[in-house]
Amino acid sequence: MSVAVATAESDSRLIQRVAGGDRDAFTELYRRFARPVLGMAMRQLGDNGRAEEAAQETFAAVWRSARSYRPERGSASAWLYAVARHAIIDRARQRREPAVEVPEEASSEAGPDEQAEGAWLTWRVHSALEQLPERERAVLELAYWSGLSQAEIASYLDVPLGTVKTRTRTGLARLAGLLDEVRP
């Protein structure tokens, strides 16, 4: 029998003894698992105080629910780490929000009304682009969404540079006409 299997059986036996109220078994289980559980909580929560609370709750839950451990379902350590995960998740849900400070200046970010206006304008521009002939739309999309220069567009589409310039000018004029009602 390997050392790892002997330790796993020993852990399993400790949990069974804890289920019977054995404080010495609980102390030994705590000695073996407190450090890894605390490390796991620290990685997940990022706060030493909250990690310690989660570890403490883990072992309180182990004491309360040791009777629910079934060795045939998995190793003792897997069961204990599952209990720890639940305690950590519970602690994360109880996230303490920092006190909100009143800003000295108004936010420069768009408010809900401005965001709605921007979304409507974006939709309107996309709708107008769909109405353009394919050749003009392709040139404008390559220029404004892909960031290509007119020379790069000409090379990409395999058309003369003058054609790209004409399509761009015509497409923008047509687009301006379609969007006339949304201008301020």
N, C-alpha and C. Protein backbone atom coordinates (compact mmCIF):
# COMPACT_ATOMS: atom_id res chain seq x y z
N MET A 1 0.85 -1.18 0.00
CA MET A 1 0.00 0.00 0.00
C MET A 1 0.89 1.23 0.00
N SER A 2 0.60 2.17 -0.88
CA SER A 2 1.43 3.37 -0.98
C SER A 2 1.12 4.33 0.17
N VAL A 3 2.04 5.27 0.39
CA VAL A 3 1.86 6.27 1.45
C VAL A 3 0.64 7.13 1.18
N ALA A 4 0.44 7.53 -0.11
CA ALA A 4 -0.71 8.38 -0.47
C ALA A 4 -2.02 7.68 -0.15
N VAL A 5 -2.11 6.38 -0.45
CA VAL A 5 -3.34 5.63 -0.17
C VAL A 5 -3.54 5.52 1.33
N ALA A 6 -2.44 5.26 2.07
CA ALA A 6 -2.54 5.16 3.52
C ALA A 6 -3.00 6.48 4.12
N THR A 7 -2.48 7.61 3.60
CA THR A 7 -2.88 8.92 4.09
C THR A 7 -4.34 9.18 3.77
N ALA A 8 -4.77 8.83 2.55
CA ALA A 8 -6.16 9.03 2.17
C ALA A 8 -7.08 8.21 3.06
N GLU A 9 -6.69 6.97 3.35
CA GLU A 9 -7.51 6.15 4.25
C GLU A 9 -7.51 6.73 5.65
N SER A 10 -6.38 7.24 6.05
CA SER A 10 -6.27 7.85 7.36
C SER A 10 -7.16 9.09 7.44
N ASP A 11 -7.16 9.91 6.38
CA ASP A 11 -8.03 11.09 6.34
C ASP A 11 -9.49 10.66 6.41
N SER A 12 -9.82 9.63 5.67
CA SER A 12 -11.18 9.12 5.66
C SER A 12 -11.58 8.66 7.06
N ARG A 13 -10.68 7.95 7.71
CA ARG A 13 -10.96 7.47 9.07
C ARG A 13 -11.11 8.65 10.03
N LEU A 14 -10.29 9.67 9.84
CA LEU A 14 -10.40 10.85 10.71
C LEU A 14 -11.78 11.49 10.57
N ILE A 15 -12.26 11.64 9.36
CA ILE A 15 -13.58 12.25 9.15
C ILE A 15 -14.66 11.38 9.80
N GLN A 16 -14.53 10.06 9.69
CA GLN A 16 -15.51 9.18 10.33
C GLN A 16 -15.47 9.32 11.84
N ARG A 17 -14.28 9.51 12.39
CA ARG A 17 -14.17 9.72 13.83
C ARG A 17 -14.75 11.08 14.23
N VAL A 18 -14.53 12.11 13.38
CA VAL A 18 -15.11 13.43 13.64
C VAL A 18 -16.63 13.33 13.66
N ALA A 19 -17.19 12.52 12.76
CA ALA A 19 -18.65 12.32 12.71
C ALA A 19 -19.16 11.78 14.03
N GLY A 20 -18.31 11.04 14.73
CA GLY A 20 -18.69 10.51 16.04
C GLY A 20 -18.40 11.46 17.18
N GLY A 21 -17.92 12.67 16.87
CA GLY A 21 -17.67 13.67 17.91
C GLY A 21 -16.27 13.64 18.49
N ASP A 22 -15.33 12.99 17.83
CA ASP A 22 -13.96 12.85 18.31
C ASP A 22 -13.18 14.15 18.07
N ARG A 23 -12.91 14.88 19.17
CA ARG A 23 -12.21 16.17 19.05
C ARG A 23 -10.75 16.00 18.65
N ASP A 24 -10.10 14.94 19.09
CA ASP A 24 -8.71 14.71 18.71
C ASP A 24 -8.59 14.46 17.21
N ALA A 25 -9.54 13.72 16.64
CA ALA A 25 -9.55 13.48 15.20
C ALA A 25 -9.75 14.80 14.45
N PHE A 26 -10.62 15.66 15.00
CA PHE A 26 -10.86 16.96 14.37
C PHE A 26 -9.58 17.81 14.40
N THR A 27 -8.89 17.79 15.53
CA THR A 27 -7.65 18.56 15.66
C THR A 27 -6.62 18.08 14.64
N GLU A 28 -6.50 16.77 14.46
CA GLU A 28 -5.55 16.22 13.48
C GLU A 28 -5.97 16.59 12.05
N LEU A 29 -7.25 16.52 11.76
CA LEU A 29 -7.75 16.89 10.42
C LEU A 29 -7.47 18.37 10.16
N TYR A 30 -7.68 19.20 11.17
CA TYR A 30 -7.39 20.63 11.05
C TYR A 30 -5.90 20.85 10.80
N ARG A 31 -5.06 20.14 11.53
CA ARG A 31 -3.61 20.28 11.37
C ARG A 31 -3.19 19.95 9.95
N ARG A 32 -3.79 18.94 9.35
CA ARG A 32 -3.43 18.50 8.00
C ARG A 32 -3.96 19.43 6.90
N PHE A 33 -5.14 19.97 7.10
CA PHE A 33 -5.80 20.68 5.99
C PHE A 33 -5.95 22.18 6.16
N ALA A 34 -5.67 22.73 7.33
CA ALA A 34 -5.90 24.17 7.54
C ALA A 34 -5.09 25.02 6.58
N ARG A 35 -3.84 24.70 6.41
CA ARG A 35 -2.97 25.52 5.55
C ARG A 35 -3.40 25.47 4.08
N PRO A 36 -3.63 24.28 3.49
CA PRO A 36 -4.07 24.27 2.08
C PRO A 36 -5.44 24.93 1.88
N VAL A 37 -6.35 24.76 2.85
CA VAL A 37 -7.68 25.39 2.73
C VAL A 37 -7.53 26.91 2.79
N LEU A 38 -6.69 27.41 3.69
CA LEU A 38 -6.47 28.85 3.79
C LEU A 38 -5.84 29.39 2.50
N GLY A 39 -4.89 28.65 1.94
CA GLY A 39 -4.27 29.06 0.68
C GLY A 39 -5.28 29.12 -0.46
N MET A 40 -6.15 28.11 -0.51
CA MET A 40 -7.19 28.08 -1.53
C MET A 40 -8.12 29.28 -1.38
N ALA A 41 -8.51 29.57 -0.15
CA ALA A 41 -9.40 30.70 0.12
C ALA A 41 -8.72 32.03 -0.22
N MET A 42 -7.43 32.12 0.10
CA MET A 42 -6.69 33.34 -0.19
C MET A 42 -6.61 33.59 -1.70
N ARG A 43 -6.37 32.53 -2.48
CA ARG A 43 -6.30 32.68 -3.94
C ARG A 43 -7.65 33.11 -4.50
N GLN A 44 -8.72 32.60 -3.96
CA GLN A 44 -10.05 32.90 -4.49
C GLN A 44 -10.57 34.26 -4.03
N LEU A 45 -10.30 34.61 -2.78
CA LEU A 45 -10.89 35.83 -2.21
C LEU A 45 -9.96 37.03 -2.25
N GLY A 46 -8.65 36.79 -2.24
CA GLY A 46 -7.70 37.88 -2.34
C GLY A 46 -7.62 38.78 -1.11
N ASP A 47 -8.21 38.35 0.00
CA ASP A 47 -8.21 39.16 1.21
C ASP A 47 -7.95 38.23 2.39
N ASN A 48 -6.91 38.51 3.17
CA ASN A 48 -6.52 37.61 4.25
C ASN A 48 -7.63 37.40 5.27
N GLY A 49 -8.29 38.48 5.68
CA GLY A 49 -9.35 38.37 6.68
C GLY A 49 -10.51 37.52 6.21
N ARG A 50 -10.95 37.76 4.99
CA ARG A 50 -12.06 36.98 4.44
C ARG A 50 -11.65 35.53 4.20
N ALA A 51 -10.37 35.31 3.82
CA ALA A 51 -9.88 33.95 3.62
C ALA A 51 -9.87 33.18 4.94
N GLU A 52 -9.44 33.86 6.01
CA GLU A 52 -9.45 33.21 7.33
C GLU A 52 -10.87 32.87 7.77
N GLU A 53 -11.80 33.76 7.50
CA GLU A 53 -13.21 33.49 7.83
C GLU A 53 -13.73 32.29 7.05
N ALA A 54 -13.38 32.20 5.76
CA ALA A 54 -13.82 31.07 4.93
C ALA A 54 -13.20 29.77 5.44
N ALA A 55 -11.93 29.81 5.84
CA ALA A 55 -11.28 28.60 6.37
C ALA A 55 -11.94 28.18 7.68
N GLN A 56 -12.23 29.15 8.51
CA GLN A 56 -12.89 28.86 9.79
C GLN A 56 -14.27 28.24 9.54
N GLU A 57 -15.01 28.81 8.60
CA GLU A 57 -16.32 28.27 8.26
C GLU A 57 -16.21 26.87 7.67
N THR A 58 -15.15 26.61 6.92
CA THR A 58 -14.92 25.28 6.35
C THR A 58 -14.85 24.24 7.46
N PHE A 59 -14.04 24.52 8.47
CA PHE A 59 -13.86 23.52 9.52
C PHE A 59 -15.08 23.43 10.45
N ALA A 60 -15.80 24.51 10.60
CA ALA A 60 -17.06 24.44 11.35
C ALA A 60 -18.04 23.55 10.59
N ALA A 61 -18.06 23.69 9.25
CA ALA A 61 -18.95 22.85 8.43
C ALA A 61 -18.50 21.39 8.44
N VAL A 62 -17.20 21.15 8.46
CA VAL A 62 -16.69 19.77 8.55
C VAL A 62 -17.17 19.15 9.86
N TRP A 63 -17.08 19.89 10.95
CA TRP A 63 -17.52 19.37 12.25
C TRP A 63 -19.02 19.05 12.23
N ARG A 64 -19.81 19.98 11.63
CA ARG A 64 -21.27 19.80 11.59
C ARG A 64 -21.70 18.69 10.63
N SER A 65 -21.00 18.53 9.51
CA SER A 65 -21.51 17.64 8.46
C SER A 65 -20.63 16.43 8.17
N ALA A 66 -19.75 16.09 9.07
CA ALA A 66 -18.87 14.94 8.85
C ALA A 66 -19.67 13.65 8.62
N ARG A 67 -20.88 13.59 9.18
CA ARG A 67 -21.72 12.39 8.97
C ARG A 67 -22.13 12.22 7.50
N SER A 68 -22.10 13.30 6.73
CA SER A 68 -22.51 13.20 5.33
C SER A 68 -21.41 12.65 4.42
N TYR A 69 -20.20 12.52 4.95
CA TYR A 69 -19.09 12.00 4.14
C TYR A 69 -19.30 10.51 3.87
N ARG A 70 -19.18 10.14 2.59
CA ARG A 70 -19.30 8.75 2.16
C ARG A 70 -18.01 8.36 1.44
N PRO A 71 -17.17 7.49 2.04
CA PRO A 71 -15.89 7.12 1.44
C PRO A 71 -16.04 6.52 0.03
N GLU A 72 -17.13 5.84 -0.23
CA GLU A 72 -17.32 5.21 -1.54
C GLU A 72 -17.53 6.24 -2.65
N ARG A 73 -17.86 7.47 -2.30
CA ARG A 73 -18.08 8.52 -3.30
C ARG A 73 -16.79 9.24 -3.70
N GLY A 74 -15.75 9.14 -2.91
CA GLY A 74 -14.51 9.81 -3.24
C GLY A 74 -13.62 9.94 -2.03
N SER A 75 -12.46 10.52 -2.27
CA SER A 75 -11.47 10.64 -1.19
C SER A 75 -11.92 11.66 -0.14
N ALA A 76 -11.34 11.51 1.02
CA ALA A 76 -11.65 12.43 2.12
C ALA A 76 -11.20 13.85 1.78
N SER A 77 -10.04 13.95 1.16
CA SER A 77 -9.54 15.29 0.83
C SER A 77 -10.45 15.96 -0.21
N ALA A 78 -10.95 15.21 -1.18
CA ALA A 78 -11.86 15.79 -2.18
C ALA A 78 -13.12 16.29 -1.49
N TRP A 79 -13.63 15.53 -0.54
CA TRP A 79 -14.84 15.94 0.19
C TRP A 79 -14.55 17.22 0.97
N LEU A 80 -13.42 17.24 1.67
CA LEU A 80 -13.08 18.40 2.49
C LEU A 80 -12.87 19.64 1.62
N TYR A 81 -12.22 19.49 0.47
CA TYR A 81 -12.02 20.64 -0.42
C TYR A 81 -13.35 21.11 -1.02
N ALA A 82 -14.28 20.20 -1.22
CA ALA A 82 -15.61 20.61 -1.71
C ALA A 82 -16.31 21.45 -0.64
N VAL A 83 -16.20 21.04 0.62
CA VAL A 83 -16.75 21.82 1.72
C VAL A 83 -16.10 23.20 1.74
N ALA A 84 -14.78 23.24 1.54
CA ALA A 84 -14.05 24.51 1.52
C ALA A 84 -14.53 25.39 0.37
N ARG A 85 -14.71 24.80 -0.83
CA ARG A 85 -15.18 25.58 -1.98
C ARG A 85 -16.52 26.24 -1.67
N HIS A 86 -17.42 25.50 -1.05
CA HIS A 86 -18.73 26.06 -0.71
C HIS A 86 -18.59 27.21 0.29
N ALA A 87 -17.72 27.06 1.28
CA ALA A 87 -17.51 28.12 2.27
C ALA A 87 -16.90 29.36 1.60
N ILE A 88 -15.98 29.13 0.68
CA ILE A 88 -15.34 30.25 -0.03
C ILE A 88 -16.35 30.97 -0.90
N ILE A 89 -17.18 30.22 -1.60
CA ILE A 89 -18.21 30.82 -2.45
C ILE A 89 -19.18 31.63 -1.60
N ASP A 90 -19.58 31.07 -0.46
CA ASP A 90 -20.48 31.82 0.43
C ASP A 90 -19.82 33.12 0.90
N ARG A 91 -18.54 33.05 1.22
CA ARG A 91 -17.83 34.24 1.68
C ARG A 91 -17.71 35.26 0.54
N ALA A 92 -17.49 34.79 -0.67
CA ALA A 92 -17.37 35.70 -1.83
C ALA A 92 -18.71 36.40 -2.09
N ARG A 93 -19.80 35.69 -1.88
CA ARG A 93 -21.13 36.29 -2.10
C ARG A 93 -21.41 37.38 -1.07
N GLN A 94 -20.78 37.28 0.07
CA GLN A 94 -20.99 38.28 1.13
C GLN A 94 -19.99 39.42 1.00
N ARG A 95 -19.59 39.67 -0.23
CA ARG A 95 -18.58 40.70 -0.51
C ARG A 95 -18.99 42.02 0.13
N ARG A 96 -18.07 42.55 0.84
CA ARG A 96 -18.32 43.84 1.48
C ARG A 96 -18.00 44.94 0.48
N GLU A 97 -18.97 45.76 0.22
CA GLU A 97 -18.77 46.87 -0.72
C GLU A 97 -18.12 48.03 0.02
N PRO A 98 -17.12 48.65 -0.59
CA PRO A 98 -16.50 49.81 0.07
C PRO A 98 -17.49 50.97 0.13
N ALA A 99 -17.28 51.83 1.09
CA ALA A 99 -18.15 52.99 1.22
C ALA A 99 -18.05 53.84 -0.04
N VAL A 100 -19.18 54.29 -0.50
CA VAL A 100 -19.22 55.08 -1.73
C VAL A 100 -18.90 56.53 -1.38
N GLU A 101 -17.94 57.07 -2.12
CA GLU A 101 -17.59 58.47 -1.93
C GLU A 101 -18.26 59.30 -3.00
N VAL A 102 -18.72 60.47 -2.62
CA VAL A 102 -19.35 61.37 -3.57
C VAL A 102 -18.25 62.02 -4.39
N PRO A 103 -18.31 61.89 -5.72
CA PRO A 103 -17.26 62.50 -6.54
C PRO A 103 -17.32 64.02 -6.48
N GLU A 104 -16.15 64.62 -6.65
CA GLU A 104 -16.08 66.09 -6.63
C GLU A 104 -16.57 66.69 -7.93
N GLU A 105 -16.42 65.94 -9.03
CA GLU A 105 -16.84 66.43 -10.34
C GLU A 105 -17.84 65.45 -10.95
N ALA A 106 -18.66 65.97 -11.82
CA ALA A 106 -19.62 65.11 -12.52
C ALA A 106 -18.85 64.19 -13.47
N SER A 107 -19.36 63.01 -13.64
CA SER A 107 -18.73 62.03 -14.52
C SER A 107 -18.80 62.49 -15.97
N SER A 108 -17.74 62.23 -16.70
CA SER A 108 -17.73 62.57 -18.12
C SER A 108 -18.29 61.41 -18.97
N GLU A 109 -18.58 60.28 -18.32
CA GLU A 109 -19.14 59.14 -19.04
C GLU A 109 -20.58 59.42 -19.43
N ALA A 110 -20.97 58.81 -20.53
CA ALA A 110 -22.34 59.00 -21.04
C ALA A 110 -23.35 58.40 -20.06
N GLY A 111 -24.44 59.13 -19.87
CA GLY A 111 -25.52 58.62 -19.03
C GLY A 111 -26.42 57.71 -19.85
N PRO A 112 -27.45 57.14 -19.23
CA PRO A 112 -28.33 56.21 -19.94
C PRO A 112 -28.99 56.83 -21.18
N ASP A 113 -29.40 58.10 -21.07
CA ASP A 113 -30.04 58.73 -22.22
C ASP A 113 -29.05 58.92 -23.37
N GLU A 114 -27.82 59.28 -23.04
CA GLU A 114 -26.80 59.45 -24.08
C GLU A 114 -26.41 58.10 -24.69
N GLN A 115 -26.36 57.06 -23.86
CA GLN A 115 -26.05 55.72 -24.37
C GLN A 115 -27.14 55.24 -25.31
N ALA A 116 -28.38 55.50 -24.96
CA ALA A 116 -29.51 55.10 -25.82
C ALA A 116 -29.44 55.86 -27.14
N GLU A 117 -29.14 57.14 -27.07
CA GLU A 117 -29.02 57.95 -28.29
C GLU A 117 -27.89 57.42 -29.16
N GLY A 118 -26.77 57.08 -28.55
CA GLY A 118 -25.63 56.54 -29.29
C GLY A 118 -25.97 55.21 -29.94
N ALA A 119 -26.69 54.36 -29.22
CA ALA A 119 -27.09 53.06 -29.77
C ALA A 119 -28.03 53.25 -30.95
N TRP A 120 -28.96 54.20 -30.84
CA TRP A 120 -29.90 54.45 -31.94
C TRP A 120 -29.14 54.98 -33.15
N LEU A 121 -28.19 55.89 -32.92
CA LEU A 121 -27.41 56.46 -34.01
C LEU A 121 -26.57 55.38 -34.70
N THR A 122 -25.97 54.50 -33.92
CA THR A 122 -25.20 53.39 -34.50
C THR A 122 -26.10 52.52 -35.37
N TRP A 123 -27.27 52.19 -34.87
CA TRP A 123 -28.22 51.38 -35.65
C TRP A 123 -28.60 52.11 -36.94
N ARG A 124 -28.83 53.40 -36.83
CA ARG A 124 -29.24 54.20 -38.00
C ARG A 124 -28.15 54.22 -39.07
N VAL A 125 -26.89 54.38 -38.65
CA VAL A 125 -25.77 54.39 -39.60
C VAL A 125 -25.64 53.03 -40.27
N HIS A 126 -25.75 51.96 -39.51
CA HIS A 126 -25.66 50.60 -40.09
C HIS A 126 -26.80 50.36 -41.07
N SER A 127 -27.98 50.83 -40.73
CA SER A 127 -29.13 50.69 -41.64
C SER A 127 -28.89 51.45 -42.94
N ALA A 128 -28.35 52.66 -42.83
CA ALA A 128 -28.08 53.47 -44.02
C ALA A 128 -26.99 52.81 -44.86
N LEU A 129 -25.97 52.25 -44.21
CA LEU A 129 -24.91 51.56 -44.97
C LEU A 129 -25.47 50.39 -45.77
N GLU A 130 -26.43 49.69 -45.20
CA GLU A 130 -27.05 48.55 -45.89
C GLU A 130 -27.76 48.98 -47.18
N GLN A 131 -28.16 50.24 -47.25
CA GLN A 131 -28.87 50.75 -48.43
C GLN A 131 -27.92 51.16 -49.55
N LEU A 132 -26.62 51.27 -49.25
CA LEU A 132 -25.66 51.66 -50.27
C LEU A 132 -25.40 50.50 -51.23
N PRO A 133 -25.03 50.83 -52.47
CA PRO A 133 -24.61 49.77 -53.38
C PRO A 133 -23.39 49.04 -52.81
N GLU A 134 -23.28 47.75 -53.08
CA GLU A 134 -22.23 46.89 -52.53
C GLU A 134 -20.84 47.48 -52.73
N ARG A 135 -20.54 48.01 -53.91
CA ARG A 135 -19.20 48.53 -54.20
C ARG A 135 -18.84 49.70 -53.28
N GLU A 136 -19.78 50.61 -53.05
CA GLU A 136 -19.53 51.76 -52.19
C GLU A 136 -19.44 51.32 -50.73
N ARG A 137 -20.35 50.43 -50.34
CA ARG A 137 -20.36 49.94 -48.95
C ARG A 137 -19.05 49.24 -48.62
N ALA A 138 -18.54 48.40 -49.52
CA ALA A 138 -17.30 47.66 -49.28
C ALA A 138 -16.13 48.61 -49.06
N VAL A 139 -16.03 49.65 -49.88
CA VAL A 139 -14.94 50.61 -49.74
C VAL A 139 -15.03 51.34 -48.40
N LEU A 140 -16.24 51.78 -48.01
CA LEU A 140 -16.40 52.49 -46.74
C LEU A 140 -16.11 51.58 -45.54
N GLU A 141 -16.57 50.35 -45.61
CA GLU A 141 -16.32 49.42 -44.50
C GLU A 141 -14.83 49.14 -44.34
N LEU A 142 -14.13 48.95 -45.46
CA LEU A 142 -12.69 48.70 -45.38
C LEU A 142 -11.95 49.92 -44.84
N ALA A 143 -12.41 51.10 -45.21
CA ALA A 143 -11.74 52.32 -44.75
C ALA A 143 -12.01 52.60 -43.28
N TYR A 144 -13.28 52.54 -42.87
CA TYR A 144 -13.65 52.98 -41.52
C TYR A 144 -13.65 51.87 -40.47
N TRP A 145 -13.93 50.64 -40.86
CA TRP A 145 -13.95 49.56 -39.87
C TRP A 145 -12.66 48.77 -39.85
N SER A 146 -12.01 48.64 -41.00
CA SER A 146 -10.75 47.91 -41.04
C SER A 146 -9.55 48.83 -40.96
N GLY A 147 -9.77 50.14 -41.13
CA GLY A 147 -8.69 51.09 -40.99
C GLY A 147 -7.69 51.09 -42.15
N LEU A 148 -8.10 50.63 -43.31
CA LEU A 148 -7.20 50.59 -44.46
C LEU A 148 -7.15 51.94 -45.16
N SER A 149 -5.99 52.25 -45.71
CA SER A 149 -5.85 53.48 -46.50
C SER A 149 -6.49 53.21 -47.87
N GLN A 150 -6.68 54.29 -48.65
CA GLN A 150 -7.27 54.11 -49.97
C GLN A 150 -6.36 53.28 -50.88
N ALA A 151 -5.06 53.43 -50.75
CA ALA A 151 -4.12 52.63 -51.55
C ALA A 151 -4.23 51.15 -51.16
N GLU A 152 -4.36 50.88 -49.85
CA GLU A 152 -4.50 49.49 -49.40
C GLU A 152 -5.82 48.89 -49.88
N ILE A 153 -6.87 49.68 -49.89
CA ILE A 153 -8.17 49.22 -50.37
C ILE A 153 -8.08 48.89 -51.85
N ALA A 154 -7.41 49.76 -52.61
CA ALA A 154 -7.25 49.52 -54.05
C ALA A 154 -6.51 48.20 -54.28
N SER A 155 -5.47 47.97 -53.51
CA SER A 155 -4.71 46.72 -53.65
C SER A 155 -5.57 45.53 -53.22
N TYR A 156 -6.28 45.66 -52.13
CA TYR A 156 -7.11 44.57 -51.61
C TYR A 156 -8.23 44.20 -52.59
N LEU A 157 -8.89 45.21 -53.15
CA LEU A 157 -10.01 44.96 -54.07
C LEU A 157 -9.54 44.76 -55.51
N ASP A 158 -8.25 45.01 -55.75
CA ASP A 158 -7.68 44.89 -57.09
C ASP A 158 -8.38 45.82 -58.08
N VAL A 159 -8.52 47.09 -57.67
CA VAL A 159 -9.10 48.13 -58.53
C VAL A 159 -8.16 49.33 -58.50
N PRO A 160 -8.26 50.22 -59.50
CA PRO A 160 -7.40 51.41 -59.51
C PRO A 160 -7.69 52.32 -58.31
N LEU A 161 -6.68 53.07 -57.87
CA LEU A 161 -6.81 54.00 -56.75
C LEU A 161 -7.89 55.04 -57.03
N GLY A 162 -7.97 55.52 -58.26
CA GLY A 162 -9.00 56.50 -58.62
C GLY A 162 -10.40 55.95 -58.42
N THR A 163 -10.60 54.67 -58.69
CA THR A 163 -11.91 54.04 -58.50
C THR A 163 -12.27 54.02 -57.02
N VAL A 164 -11.30 53.71 -56.17
CA VAL A 164 -11.53 53.70 -54.72
C VAL A 164 -11.92 55.10 -54.24
N LYS A 165 -11.21 56.12 -54.74
CA LYS A 165 -11.52 57.50 -54.34
C LYS A 165 -12.92 57.91 -54.78
N THR A 166 -13.28 57.53 -56.00
CA THR A 166 -14.61 57.86 -56.52
C THR A 166 -15.70 57.16 -55.70
N ARG A 167 -15.50 55.87 -55.45
CA ARG A 167 -16.50 55.11 -54.68
C ARG A 167 -16.62 55.65 -53.26
N THR A 168 -15.51 56.05 -52.68
CA THR A 168 -15.53 56.61 -51.32
C THR A 168 -16.32 57.92 -51.31
N ARG A 169 -15.99 58.82 -52.24
CA ARG A 169 -16.67 60.13 -52.31
C ARG A 169 -18.16 59.94 -52.57
N THR A 170 -18.51 59.07 -53.54
CA THR A 170 -19.91 58.84 -53.88
C THR A 170 -20.64 58.18 -52.71
N GLY A 171 -20.01 57.19 -52.07
CA GLY A 171 -20.62 56.49 -50.95
C GLY A 171 -20.88 57.41 -49.77
N LEU A 172 -19.91 58.28 -49.45
CA LEU A 172 -20.08 59.21 -48.34
C LEU A 172 -21.19 60.22 -48.63
N ALA A 173 -21.26 60.70 -49.89
CA ALA A 173 -22.32 61.65 -50.25
C ALA A 173 -23.68 60.98 -50.15
N ARG A 174 -23.79 59.74 -50.64
CA ARG A 174 -25.05 59.01 -50.57
C ARG A 174 -25.43 58.75 -49.11
N LEU A 175 -24.44 58.38 -48.30
CA LEU A 175 -24.67 58.12 -46.87
C LEU A 175 -25.14 59.39 -46.17
N ALA A 176 -24.53 60.51 -46.47
CA ALA A 176 -24.94 61.79 -45.87
C ALA A 176 -26.39 62.10 -46.20
N GLY A 177 -26.80 61.83 -47.43
CA GLY A 177 -28.20 62.05 -47.81
C GLY A 177 -29.13 61.15 -47.03
N LEU A 178 -28.74 59.90 -46.85
CA LEU A 178 -29.60 58.96 -46.10
C LEU A 178 -29.68 59.32 -44.62
N LEU A 179 -28.65 59.94 -44.10
CA LEU A 179 -28.61 60.28 -42.67
C LEU A 179 -28.95 61.74 -42.40
N ASP A 180 -29.48 62.42 -43.38
CA ASP A 180 -29.79 63.84 -43.24
C ASP A 180 -30.67 64.15 -42.03
N GLU A 181 -31.63 63.28 -41.72
CA GLU A 181 -32.56 63.58 -40.62
C GLU A 181 -31.93 63.40 -39.25
N VAL A 182 -30.76 62.76 -39.14
CA VAL A 182 -30.16 62.57 -37.81
C VAL A 182 -29.09 63.60 -37.50
N ARG A 183 -28.83 64.50 -38.41
CA ARG A 183 -27.85 65.56 -38.14
C ARG A 183 -28.41 66.56 -37.14
N PRO A 184 -27.53 67.05 -36.25
CA PRO A 184 -28.00 68.04 -35.25
C PRO A 184 -28.27 69.40 -35.88
